[in-house]
Amino acid sequence: MRQIVLDTETTGLEVSQGHRIIEIGCVELFNRRLTGRHYHQYINPEREVDAGAFQVHGISNEMLNDKPKFAQVVDEFVAFVGGADLIIHNAAFDIGFINAEFGRLSPRPANAESGRTVIDTLLLARSKHPGQKNNLDALCKRYGVDNSQRDLHGALLDAEILADVYLLMTGGQTALSLGGNQSSNKDSAGSGNEIIRLPSTRKPLPVLTVSAEEFELHEQKLASINKSSAGNCIWLKDLASAE
C-alpha cells in the first residue's frame, strides 16, 4: 500500500482570491513505513506573497523569483504522487489549491484525475479527540512527536512530522501474542485485543546468572554514575529503599 503524505505553503489563505502554491512537500509511505523517498519543490507563484502568509512560513517574494512555475514542475509532481493515496492535514485547503493550479493548465495533466483516496488527518483527529485542539502542533504534543525544529511552517518538514503523527494516530497494538496457538480466522479471534496465554506445556524459560566479575563491574559503574550525579543515582536509591 503506497501513500503520500503531502503539505503545501501558499501566498495566502483564499484560493478564490487568486492565491497560489509556493511550496510542495511530500514523503512516501509503503505498507505504513517511511521509505526515505520524498518530493520537495519551491514554486514561483507569479504574484506577491501576503504579509500574513510570510509571517507563517517565512518564504519571501525574493526567495521565489528564480524558482520554476507550477507548469514547469507539474509532471514531476504528478509522477511522484502517482496513484497513491494522499494523507493531508486539512485536506480541503491543499486539494483546493492543487486543483486550482491544475485548472490553470491547458491541457490538464493526463493522470491528474486518478480518483485517489484522500485521508484528512484533521477530520480523523477531530473524530478521535472531539473538543480538543487538533492542529499539527497539538497532535505532536499529544502523540509525543518531536516538532522542535518547526519554528515556521515548511511543506517538507510538516509532511515529515505529519507522517509520524498519522502512523501513531492510526497505529497501536492490535494483539499481544506470547505463545500458544492463535486462530487465523478473524471471526473467531474476537476483537483482536485478547491476551494470548502461554501454554502450561511450554519449556521453562532459561535463568541467566551473573558472574562475580560482572557483578563487580556493575557496582563500579553505579558508583561512577552516583559520583557524577552528585549522589542522585536512582538505581542505588532503589536498592537502598528495598533493603
Protein backbone atom coordinates (compact mmCIF):
# COMPACT_ATOMS: atom_id res chain seq x y z
CA MET A 1 0.00 0.00 0.00
CA ARG A 2 1.63 3.23 -1.17
CA GLN A 3 0.67 6.50 0.50
CA ILE A 4 1.95 10.05 0.07
CA VAL A 5 1.90 12.50 2.98
CA LEU A 6 1.54 15.94 1.39
CA ASP A 7 1.68 19.56 2.51
CA THR A 8 1.74 22.90 0.70
CA GLU A 9 2.55 26.50 1.52
CA THR A 10 0.77 29.31 -0.32
CA THR A 11 0.80 33.05 -0.93
CA GLY A 12 -2.37 33.46 1.16
CA LEU A 13 -5.36 31.67 2.59
CA GLU A 14 -8.03 32.07 -0.08
CA VAL A 15 -7.73 30.28 -3.40
CA SER A 16 -10.78 32.28 -4.54
CA GLN A 17 -8.66 35.45 -4.29
CA GLY A 18 -6.10 34.10 -6.73
CA HIS A 19 -3.58 32.90 -4.17
CA ARG A 20 -1.10 30.32 -5.39
CA ILE A 21 1.06 27.44 -4.19
CA ILE A 22 4.68 28.37 -3.43
CA GLU A 23 5.95 25.12 -1.88
CA ILE A 24 5.06 21.43 -2.09
CA GLY A 25 6.48 18.78 0.25
CA CYS A 26 5.73 15.06 0.06
CA VAL A 27 7.06 11.95 1.80
CA GLU A 28 6.34 8.38 0.78
CA LEU A 29 4.94 5.59 2.93
CA PHE A 30 4.82 1.99 1.76
CA ASN A 31 2.97 -0.52 3.92
CA ARG A 32 2.96 2.08 6.71
CA ARG A 33 6.73 2.54 6.64
CA LEU A 34 8.68 5.62 5.60
CA THR A 35 10.70 4.75 2.51
CA GLY A 36 13.04 7.76 2.59
CA ARG A 37 11.75 8.97 -0.79
CA HIS A 38 10.41 12.49 -0.90
CA TYR A 39 9.44 15.30 -3.27
CA HIS A 40 10.16 18.93 -2.44
CA GLN A 41 9.78 21.99 -4.64
CA TYR A 42 9.57 25.76 -4.25
CA ILE A 43 7.41 27.41 -6.92
CA ASN A 44 7.26 30.90 -8.41
CA PRO A 45 3.61 31.88 -7.85
CA GLU A 46 3.67 34.77 -10.34
CA ARG A 47 2.20 37.05 -7.68
CA GLU A 48 3.11 38.60 -4.33
CA VAL A 49 3.16 36.71 -1.04
CA ASP A 50 0.78 38.21 1.52
CA ALA A 51 2.43 39.67 4.62
CA GLY A 52 0.33 37.44 6.85
CA ALA A 53 1.36 34.31 4.97
CA PHE A 54 5.02 35.34 5.15
CA GLN A 55 4.73 35.54 8.95
CA VAL A 56 3.60 31.90 8.95
CA HIS A 57 6.13 30.28 6.60
CA GLY A 58 8.89 32.89 6.15
CA ILE A 59 9.06 32.41 2.36
CA SER A 60 9.64 35.79 0.73
CA ASN A 61 8.99 37.03 -2.79
CA GLU A 62 12.73 37.32 -3.33
CA MET A 63 13.23 33.64 -2.48
CA LEU A 64 10.73 32.64 -5.19
CA ASN A 65 11.79 34.90 -8.06
CA ASP A 66 14.15 32.34 -9.61
CA LYS A 67 12.05 29.26 -8.86
CA PRO A 68 10.16 27.33 -11.59
CA LYS A 69 6.49 27.92 -12.25
CA PHE A 70 3.92 25.23 -11.42
CA ALA A 71 3.52 24.32 -15.10
CA GLN A 72 7.25 23.52 -15.22
CA VAL A 73 7.18 21.07 -12.30
CA VAL A 74 3.71 19.57 -12.57
CA ASP A 75 4.81 16.46 -14.50
CA GLU A 76 7.46 15.61 -11.90
CA PHE A 77 5.00 16.23 -9.06
CA VAL A 78 2.22 14.10 -10.57
CA ALA A 79 4.71 11.33 -11.40
CA PHE A 80 5.89 11.21 -7.77
CA VAL A 81 2.37 11.15 -6.36
CA GLY A 82 1.32 8.54 -8.93
CA GLY A 83 -1.80 6.64 -7.96
CA ALA A 84 -1.02 6.69 -4.24
CA ASP A 85 -3.49 7.61 -1.54
CA LEU A 86 -2.89 11.10 -0.12
CA ILE A 87 -2.59 11.92 3.58
CA ILE A 88 -3.13 15.64 4.24
CA HIS A 89 -3.92 17.73 7.31
CA ASN A 90 -6.92 19.94 6.47
CA ALA A 91 -7.11 18.38 3.03
CA ALA A 92 -9.75 20.74 1.67
CA PHE A 93 -7.22 23.58 1.80
CA ASP A 94 -4.38 21.82 -0.04
CA ILE A 95 -6.58 19.99 -2.54
CA GLY A 96 -8.37 23.24 -3.35
CA PHE A 97 -5.07 24.93 -4.21
CA ILE A 98 -3.76 21.94 -6.18
CA ASN A 99 -6.95 21.70 -8.22
CA ALA A 100 -6.77 25.44 -8.90
CA GLU A 101 -3.22 25.03 -10.21
CA PHE A 102 -4.33 22.12 -12.42
CA GLY A 103 -7.21 24.26 -13.67
CA ARG A 104 -4.77 26.90 -14.95
CA LEU A 105 -3.02 24.37 -17.18
CA SER A 106 -4.05 23.64 -20.72
CA PRO A 107 -4.24 20.79 -21.19
CA ARG A 108 -4.55 19.37 -17.69
CA PRO A 109 -2.07 16.57 -16.87
CA ALA A 110 -3.46 13.31 -18.24
CA ASN A 111 -3.12 11.46 -14.91
CA ALA A 112 -4.14 14.32 -12.59
CA GLU A 113 -7.63 12.82 -12.26
CA SER A 114 -6.69 9.48 -10.75
CA GLY A 115 -9.57 9.01 -8.32
CA ARG A 116 -7.13 8.51 -5.47
CA THR A 117 -8.25 8.37 -1.85
CA VAL A 118 -7.56 11.40 0.35
CA ILE A 119 -7.21 10.87 4.11
CA ASP A 120 -7.77 14.10 6.02
CA THR A 121 -5.88 13.81 9.31
CA LEU A 122 -7.66 16.88 10.70
CA LEU A 123 -11.06 15.18 10.36
CA LEU A 124 -9.55 11.96 11.70
CA ALA A 125 -8.13 13.77 14.73
CA ARG A 126 -11.44 15.53 15.41
CA SER A 127 -13.24 12.19 15.44
CA LYS A 128 -10.68 10.70 17.83
CA HIS A 129 -10.27 13.77 20.05
CA PRO A 130 -13.52 15.77 19.93
CA GLY A 131 -13.49 19.15 21.62
CA GLN A 132 -9.69 19.34 21.73
CA LYS A 133 -7.12 21.26 19.71
CA ASN A 134 -6.21 19.20 16.67
CA ASN A 135 -3.73 21.37 14.78
CA LEU A 136 -0.41 19.75 13.93
CA ASP A 137 1.44 21.21 16.93
CA ALA A 138 -1.25 19.96 19.32
CA LEU A 139 -1.13 16.48 17.76
CA CYS A 140 2.66 16.42 18.06
CA LYS A 141 2.36 17.15 21.77
CA ARG A 142 -0.41 14.56 22.21
CA TYR A 143 1.47 11.78 20.43
CA GLY A 144 5.00 12.69 21.55
CA VAL A 145 6.31 13.68 18.10
CA ASP A 146 9.34 15.98 18.13
CA ASN A 147 8.47 19.24 16.35
CA SER A 148 11.19 21.38 17.95
CA GLN A 149 12.52 22.38 14.52
CA ARG A 150 9.13 23.78 13.48
CA ASP A 151 9.67 27.48 14.21
CA LEU A 152 8.00 28.30 10.89
CA HIS A 153 5.73 26.23 8.68
CA GLY A 154 7.52 24.40 5.87
CA ALA A 155 5.91 21.95 3.46
CA LEU A 156 8.51 19.17 3.60
CA LEU A 157 9.12 19.40 7.35
CA ASP A 158 5.38 19.48 8.04
CA ALA A 159 4.86 16.45 5.78
CA GLU A 160 7.56 14.53 7.65
CA ILE A 161 6.03 15.45 11.02
CA LEU A 162 2.53 14.61 9.80
CA ALA A 163 3.72 11.18 8.65
CA ASP A 164 4.89 10.40 12.20
CA VAL A 165 1.64 11.73 13.69
CA TYR A 166 -0.51 9.75 11.24
CA LEU A 167 1.29 6.47 11.93
CA LEU A 168 0.91 6.95 15.69
CA MET A 169 -2.68 8.13 15.44
CA THR A 170 -3.75 5.15 13.30
CA GLY A 171 -1.40 2.53 14.75
CA GLY A 172 -1.26 0.88 18.13
CA GLN A 173 -1.09 -2.70 19.28
CA THR A 174 -3.84 -4.90 17.92
CA ALA A 175 -2.81 -8.20 19.50
CA LEU A 176 -0.45 -9.42 22.19
CA SER A 177 0.83 -12.88 21.41
CA LEU A 178 3.21 -14.55 23.85
CA GLY A 179 2.95 -18.07 22.52
CA GLY A 180 0.43 -20.84 22.02
CA ASN A 181 -1.97 -21.28 19.16
CA GLN A 182 -3.81 -18.36 17.63
CA SER A 183 -6.59 -18.76 15.13
CA SER A 184 -6.10 -17.03 11.78
CA ASN A 185 -9.87 -16.77 11.37
CA LYS A 186 -10.79 -13.15 12.13
CA ASP A 187 -14.35 -14.08 13.04
CA SER A 188 -13.19 -16.47 15.75
CA ALA A 189 -10.43 -14.19 17.03
CA GLY A 190 -12.80 -11.73 18.68
CA SER A 191 -11.67 -8.11 18.75
CA GLY A 192 -8.01 -8.90 18.14
CA ASN A 193 -7.04 -7.43 21.52
CA GLU A 194 -7.12 -10.63 23.55
CA ILE A 195 -4.12 -11.63 25.69
CA ILE A 196 -2.81 -14.97 24.47
CA ARG A 197 -1.83 -17.12 27.46
CA LEU A 198 1.35 -19.17 27.48
CA PRO A 199 0.59 -22.91 27.34
CA SER A 200 1.28 -24.88 30.51
CA THR A 201 3.34 -27.38 28.50
CA ARG A 202 5.86 -24.77 27.40
CA LYS A 203 9.56 -25.27 28.12
CA PRO A 204 10.80 -23.36 31.17
CA LEU A 205 12.50 -20.05 30.47
CA PRO A 206 16.28 -20.12 30.95
CA VAL A 207 17.62 -18.35 34.04
CA LEU A 208 20.84 -16.45 33.50
CA THR A 209 23.21 -15.82 36.38
CA VAL A 210 25.74 -13.01 36.78
CA SER A 211 29.37 -13.83 37.46
CA ALA A 212 31.23 -12.25 40.38
CA GLU A 213 33.36 -10.26 37.92
CA GLU A 214 30.29 -8.93 36.09
CA PHE A 215 28.64 -8.01 39.40
CA GLU A 216 31.75 -6.10 40.49
CA LEU A 217 31.86 -4.18 37.20
CA HIS A 218 28.18 -3.33 37.64
CA GLU A 219 28.82 -1.99 41.15
CA GLN A 220 31.70 0.12 39.88
CA LYS A 221 29.53 1.58 37.14
CA LEU A 222 26.79 2.52 39.60
CA ALA A 223 29.36 4.15 41.88
CA SER A 224 30.69 6.17 38.94
CA ILE A 225 27.19 7.31 37.97
CA ASN A 226 26.43 8.21 41.58
CA LYS A 227 29.58 10.31 41.82
CA SER A 228 29.00 12.19 38.56
CA SER A 229 25.35 12.88 39.51
CA ALA A 230 26.17 14.21 42.97
CA GLY A 231 24.64 11.23 44.75
CA ASN A 232 21.50 11.02 42.56
CA CYS A 233 21.94 7.58 41.03
CA ILE A 234 18.34 6.32 41.03
CA TRP A 235 19.37 2.65 40.88
CA LEU A 236 21.31 2.94 44.16
CA LYS A 237 18.36 4.79 45.72
CA ASP A 238 16.03 1.99 44.68
CA LEU A 239 18.37 -0.59 46.23
CA ALA A 240 18.58 1.38 49.48
CA SER A 241 14.79 1.72 49.75
CA ALA A 242 14.35 -2.01 49.13
CA GLU A 243 16.69 -3.00 51.99
